[in-house]
Amino acid sequence: MKTNEEESKRSSMRPGPNLMGCFDRRYLGRIIAAMAAALALAIVAKQFDRGSPMRIAIIGGECAVLGYVISITVLSIRKLDELSQRIHLVAMAISFTVTAVLATALGLLGKAGLQLGDWYLWVWPFMALMWAAAAFVIRRRYE
């Protein structure tokens, strides 16, 4: 039978009520606005020749938008308790590793002659999905 001290210790190790609670409406609004800006920049960039200084500058703007998205995501995670932050850290490490292996495999398969199309466009969405899936799996360990 568990003592009150053991139960108290176990409950203090549980992640907060909502592991993804830091991604609230304000966050989602910022993400939607940033993605709309990135899409608009991509559409404008298509009007210029590949390698032109203007197209390169616009792509630099898209990269800045991506940096903004990463920054607000990290700042949102910082609002969580320590255990939830740790869960996200481990989930990101798993996501990074799985994505790196997949991207390397696809790159090598492409070099070997397999026609894969524009797979690199899906690296970031895949990494985000792996992160979310890993966070949910890891969280179950603490429930």
C-alpha atoms as a PDB file:
ATOM      1  CA  MET A   1       0.000   0.000   0.000  1.00  0.00           C
ATOM      2  CA  LYS A   2       1.295   3.468  -0.932  1.00  0.00           C
ATOM      3  CA  THR A   3       1.944   5.973   1.785  1.00  0.00           C
ATOM      4  CA  ASN A   4       0.852   9.586   1.497  1.00  0.00           C
ATOM      5  CA  GLU A   5       4.474  10.608   1.035  1.00  0.00           C
ATOM      6  CA  GLU A   6       4.936   8.224  -1.918  1.00  0.00           C
ATOM      7  CA  GLU A   7       1.691   9.382  -3.512  1.00  0.00           C
ATOM      8  CA  SER A   8       2.633  13.028  -2.993  1.00  0.00           C
ATOM      9  CA  LYS A   9       6.054  12.467  -4.546  1.00  0.00           C
ATOM     10  CA  ARG A  10       4.545  10.626  -7.537  1.00  0.00           C
ATOM     11  CA  SER A  11       1.907  13.302  -8.149  1.00  0.00           C
ATOM     12  CA  SER A  12       4.561  16.041  -8.016  1.00  0.00           C
ATOM     13  CA  MET A  13       6.407  14.257 -10.849  1.00  0.00           C
ATOM     14  CA  ARG A  14       3.423  14.315 -13.172  1.00  0.00           C
ATOM     15  CA  PRO A  15       3.514  16.836 -15.983  1.00  0.00           C
ATOM     16  CA  GLY A  16       1.134  19.782 -15.843  1.00  0.00           C
ATOM     17  CA  PRO A  17      -2.523  19.358 -16.766  1.00  0.00           C
ATOM     18  CA  ASN A  18      -1.934  19.938 -20.454  1.00  0.00           C
ATOM     19  CA  LEU A  19       1.417  19.197 -22.065  1.00  0.00           C
ATOM     20  CA  MET A  20       0.438  21.270 -25.097  1.00  0.00           C
ATOM     21  CA  GLY A  21      -1.338  23.952 -23.033  1.00  0.00           C
ATOM     22  CA  CYS A  22       1.414  26.454 -23.782  1.00  0.00           C
ATOM     23  CA  PHE A  23       0.223  26.542 -27.385  1.00  0.00           C
ATOM     24  CA  ASP A  24      -2.816  28.715 -26.746  1.00  0.00           C
ATOM     25  CA  ARG A  25      -4.940  30.859 -29.106  1.00  0.00           C
ATOM     26  CA  ARG A  26      -2.447  33.703 -29.024  1.00  0.00           C
ATOM     27  CA  TYR A  27       0.331  31.332 -30.077  1.00  0.00           C
ATOM     28  CA  LEU A  28      -1.804  29.798 -32.814  1.00  0.00           C
ATOM     29  CA  GLY A  29      -2.732  33.265 -34.095  1.00  0.00           C
ATOM     30  CA  ARG A  30       0.946  34.181 -34.345  1.00  0.00           C
ATOM     31  CA  ILE A  31       1.740  30.916 -36.127  1.00  0.00           C
ATOM     32  CA  ILE A  32      -1.089  31.396 -38.632  1.00  0.00           C
ATOM     33  CA  ALA A  33       0.023  34.976 -39.333  1.00  0.00           C
ATOM     34  CA  ALA A  34       3.640  33.867 -39.744  1.00  0.00           C
ATOM     35  CA  MET A  35       2.700  31.038 -42.109  1.00  0.00           C
ATOM     36  CA  ALA A  36       0.534  33.430 -44.151  1.00  0.00           C
ATOM     37  CA  ALA A  37       3.513  35.788 -44.400  1.00  0.00           C
ATOM     38  CA  ALA A  38       5.805  32.919 -45.443  1.00  0.00           C
ATOM     39  CA  LEU A  39       3.314  31.799 -48.085  1.00  0.00           C
ATOM     40  CA  ALA A  40       2.984  35.354 -49.416  1.00  0.00           C
ATOM     41  CA  LEU A  41       6.765  35.673 -49.584  1.00  0.00           C
ATOM     42  CA  ALA A  42       7.010  32.348 -51.426  1.00  0.00           C
ATOM     43  CA  ILE A  43       4.441  33.488 -53.984  1.00  0.00           C
ATOM     44  CA  VAL A  44       6.268  36.789 -54.521  1.00  0.00           C
ATOM     45  CA  ALA A  45       9.638  35.000 -54.786  1.00  0.00           C
ATOM     46  CA  LYS A  46       8.333  32.827 -57.663  1.00  0.00           C
ATOM     47  CA  GLN A  47       8.027  35.972 -59.812  1.00  0.00           C
ATOM     48  CA  PHE A  48      11.799  36.388 -59.882  1.00  0.00           C
ATOM     49  CA  ASP A  49      14.396  34.261 -61.651  1.00  0.00           C
ATOM     50  CA  ARG A  50      16.182  31.552 -59.688  1.00  0.00           C
ATOM     51  CA  GLY A  51      19.399  32.901 -58.227  1.00  0.00           C
ATOM     52  CA  SER A  52      18.407  36.539 -58.671  1.00  0.00           C
ATOM     53  CA  PRO A  53      19.353  38.843 -55.773  1.00  0.00           C
ATOM     54  CA  MET A  54      15.712  39.771 -55.190  1.00  0.00           C
ATOM     55  CA  ARG A  55      14.581  36.151 -54.961  1.00  0.00           C
ATOM     56  CA  ILE A  56      17.429  35.348 -52.579  1.00  0.00           C
ATOM     57  CA  ALA A  57      16.499  38.348 -50.407  1.00  0.00           C
ATOM     58  CA  ILE A  58      12.859  37.255 -50.274  1.00  0.00           C
ATOM     59  CA  ILE A  59      13.891  33.714 -49.307  1.00  0.00           C
ATOM     60  CA  GLY A  60      15.969  35.325 -46.545  1.00  0.00           C
ATOM     61  CA  GLY A  61      12.723  36.891 -45.339  1.00  0.00           C
ATOM     62  CA  GLU A  62      11.082  33.461 -45.317  1.00  0.00           C
ATOM     63  CA  CYS A  63      13.957  32.151 -43.219  1.00  0.00           C
ATOM     64  CA  ALA A  64      13.449  35.046 -40.780  1.00  0.00           C
ATOM     65  CA  VAL A  65       9.767  34.094 -40.480  1.00  0.00           C
ATOM     66  CA  LEU A  66      10.792  30.490 -39.740  1.00  0.00           C
ATOM     67  CA  GLY A  67      13.192  31.771 -37.076  1.00  0.00           C
ATOM     68  CA  TYR A  68      10.316  33.737 -35.540  1.00  0.00           C
ATOM     69  CA  VAL A  69       8.129  30.622 -35.452  1.00  0.00           C
ATOM     70  CA  ILE A  70      10.892  28.648 -33.733  1.00  0.00           C
ATOM     71  CA  SER A  71      11.457  31.464 -31.227  1.00  0.00           C
ATOM     72  CA  ILE A  72       7.824  31.799 -30.176  1.00  0.00           C
ATOM     73  CA  THR A  73       7.543  28.018 -29.917  1.00  0.00           C
ATOM     74  CA  VAL A  74      10.514  27.805 -27.546  1.00  0.00           C
ATOM     75  CA  LEU A  75       9.269  30.785 -25.528  1.00  0.00           C
ATOM     76  CA  SER A  76       5.866  29.116 -25.212  1.00  0.00           C
ATOM     77  CA  ILE A  77       7.420  25.894 -23.923  1.00  0.00           C
ATOM     78  CA  ARG A  78       9.304  27.881 -21.289  1.00  0.00           C
ATOM     79  CA  LYS A  79       5.937  28.624 -19.639  1.00  0.00           C
ATOM     80  CA  LEU A  80       5.525  24.948 -18.713  1.00  0.00           C
ATOM     81  CA  ASP A  81       6.641  23.256 -15.498  1.00  0.00           C
ATOM     82  CA  GLU A  82      10.046  21.557 -15.416  1.00  0.00           C
ATOM     83  CA  LEU A  83       8.796  18.043 -16.102  1.00  0.00           C
ATOM     84  CA  SER A  84       6.755  19.173 -19.108  1.00  0.00           C
ATOM     85  CA  GLN A  85       9.791  21.051 -20.416  1.00  0.00           C
ATOM     86  CA  ARG A  86      11.882  17.906 -20.020  1.00  0.00           C
ATOM     87  CA  ILE A  87       9.281  15.866 -21.891  1.00  0.00           C
ATOM     88  CA  HIS A  88       9.404  18.372 -24.761  1.00  0.00           C
ATOM     89  CA  LEU A  89      13.215  18.331 -24.746  1.00  0.00           C
ATOM     90  CA  VAL A  90      13.377  14.541 -25.022  1.00  0.00           C
ATOM     91  CA  ALA A  91      10.613  14.579 -27.655  1.00  0.00           C
ATOM     92  CA  MET A  92      12.553  17.138 -29.705  1.00  0.00           C
ATOM     93  CA  ALA A  93      15.700  15.015 -29.453  1.00  0.00           C
ATOM     94  CA  ILE A  94      13.798  11.959 -30.687  1.00  0.00           C
ATOM     95  CA  SER A  95      12.183  13.992 -33.473  1.00  0.00           C
ATOM     96  CA  PHE A  96      15.528  15.450 -34.531  1.00  0.00           C
ATOM     97  CA  THR A  97      17.149  12.011 -34.641  1.00  0.00           C
ATOM     98  CA  VAL A  98      14.337  10.314 -36.577  1.00  0.00           C
ATOM     99  CA  THR A  99      14.135  13.226 -39.037  1.00  0.00           C
ATOM    100  CA  ALA A 100      17.922  13.258 -39.537  1.00  0.00           C
ATOM    101  CA  VAL A 101      17.965   9.536 -40.287  1.00  0.00           C
ATOM    102  CA  LEU A 102      15.042   9.854 -42.708  1.00  0.00           C
ATOM    103  CA  ALA A 103      16.510  12.912 -44.489  1.00  0.00           C
ATOM    104  CA  THR A 104      19.890  11.203 -44.807  1.00  0.00           C
ATOM    105  CA  ALA A 105      18.289   8.030 -46.154  1.00  0.00           C
ATOM    106  CA  LEU A 106      16.229   9.988 -48.683  1.00  0.00           C
ATOM    107  CA  GLY A 107      19.300  11.984 -49.727  1.00  0.00           C
ATOM    108  CA  LEU A 108      21.304   8.813 -50.267  1.00  0.00           C
ATOM    109  CA  LEU A 109      18.461   7.175 -52.162  1.00  0.00           C
ATOM    110  CA  GLY A 110      18.260  10.261 -54.374  1.00  0.00           C
ATOM    111  CA  LYS A 111      21.999  10.065 -55.052  1.00  0.00           C
ATOM    112  CA  ALA A 112      21.537   6.402 -55.925  1.00  0.00           C
ATOM    113  CA  GLY A 113      19.081   7.392 -58.636  1.00  0.00           C
ATOM    114  CA  LEU A 114      15.670   7.006 -57.005  1.00  0.00           C
ATOM    115  CA  GLN A 115      13.324   9.813 -58.107  1.00  0.00           C
ATOM    116  CA  LEU A 116      11.895  11.235 -54.877  1.00  0.00           C
ATOM    117  CA  GLY A 117      10.569  14.628 -55.946  1.00  0.00           C
ATOM    118  CA  ASP A 118      10.712  17.571 -53.551  1.00  0.00           C
ATOM    119  CA  TRP A 119      10.844  15.516 -50.326  1.00  0.00           C
ATOM    120  CA  TYR A 120      12.851  18.203 -48.534  1.00  0.00           C
ATOM    121  CA  LEU A 121       9.710  20.387 -48.378  1.00  0.00           C
ATOM    122  CA  TRP A 122       8.238  17.910 -45.894  1.00  0.00           C
ATOM    123  CA  VAL A 123      11.173  17.768 -43.474  1.00  0.00           C
ATOM    124  CA  TRP A 124       9.841  20.458 -41.087  1.00  0.00           C
ATOM    125  CA  PRO A 125       6.248  19.171 -40.994  1.00  0.00           C
ATOM    126  CA  PHE A 126       7.549  15.632 -40.441  1.00  0.00           C
ATOM    127  CA  MET A 127       9.800  16.822 -37.625  1.00  0.00           C
ATOM    128  CA  ALA A 128       6.884  18.635 -35.950  1.00  0.00           C
ATOM    129  CA  LEU A 129       4.669  15.545 -36.170  1.00  0.00           C
ATOM    130  CA  MET A 130       7.432  13.349 -34.742  1.00  0.00           C
ATOM    131  CA  TRP A 131       7.905  15.842 -31.895  1.00  0.00           C
ATOM    132  CA  ALA A 132       4.194  15.828 -31.019  1.00  0.00           C
ATOM    133  CA  ALA A 133       3.960  12.032 -31.237  1.00  0.00           C
ATOM    134  CA  ALA A 134       7.061  11.556 -29.091  1.00  0.00           C
ATOM    135  CA  ALA A 135       5.786  14.065 -26.495  1.00  0.00           C
ATOM    136  CA  PHE A 136       2.509  12.176 -26.134  1.00  0.00           C
ATOM    137  CA  VAL A 137       4.265   8.806 -25.852  1.00  0.00           C
ATOM    138  CA  ILE A 138       6.758  10.107 -23.282  1.00  0.00           C
ATOM    139  CA  ARG A 139       4.043  11.801 -21.244  1.00  0.00           C
ATOM    140  CA  ARG A 140       2.268   8.464 -20.752  1.00  0.00           C
ATOM    141  CA  ARG A 141       5.299   7.350 -18.778  1.00  0.00           C
ATOM    142  CA  TYR A 142       4.497   9.928 -16.095  1.00  0.00           C
ATOM    143  CA  GLU A 143       0.750   9.362 -15.848  1.00  0.00           C
END
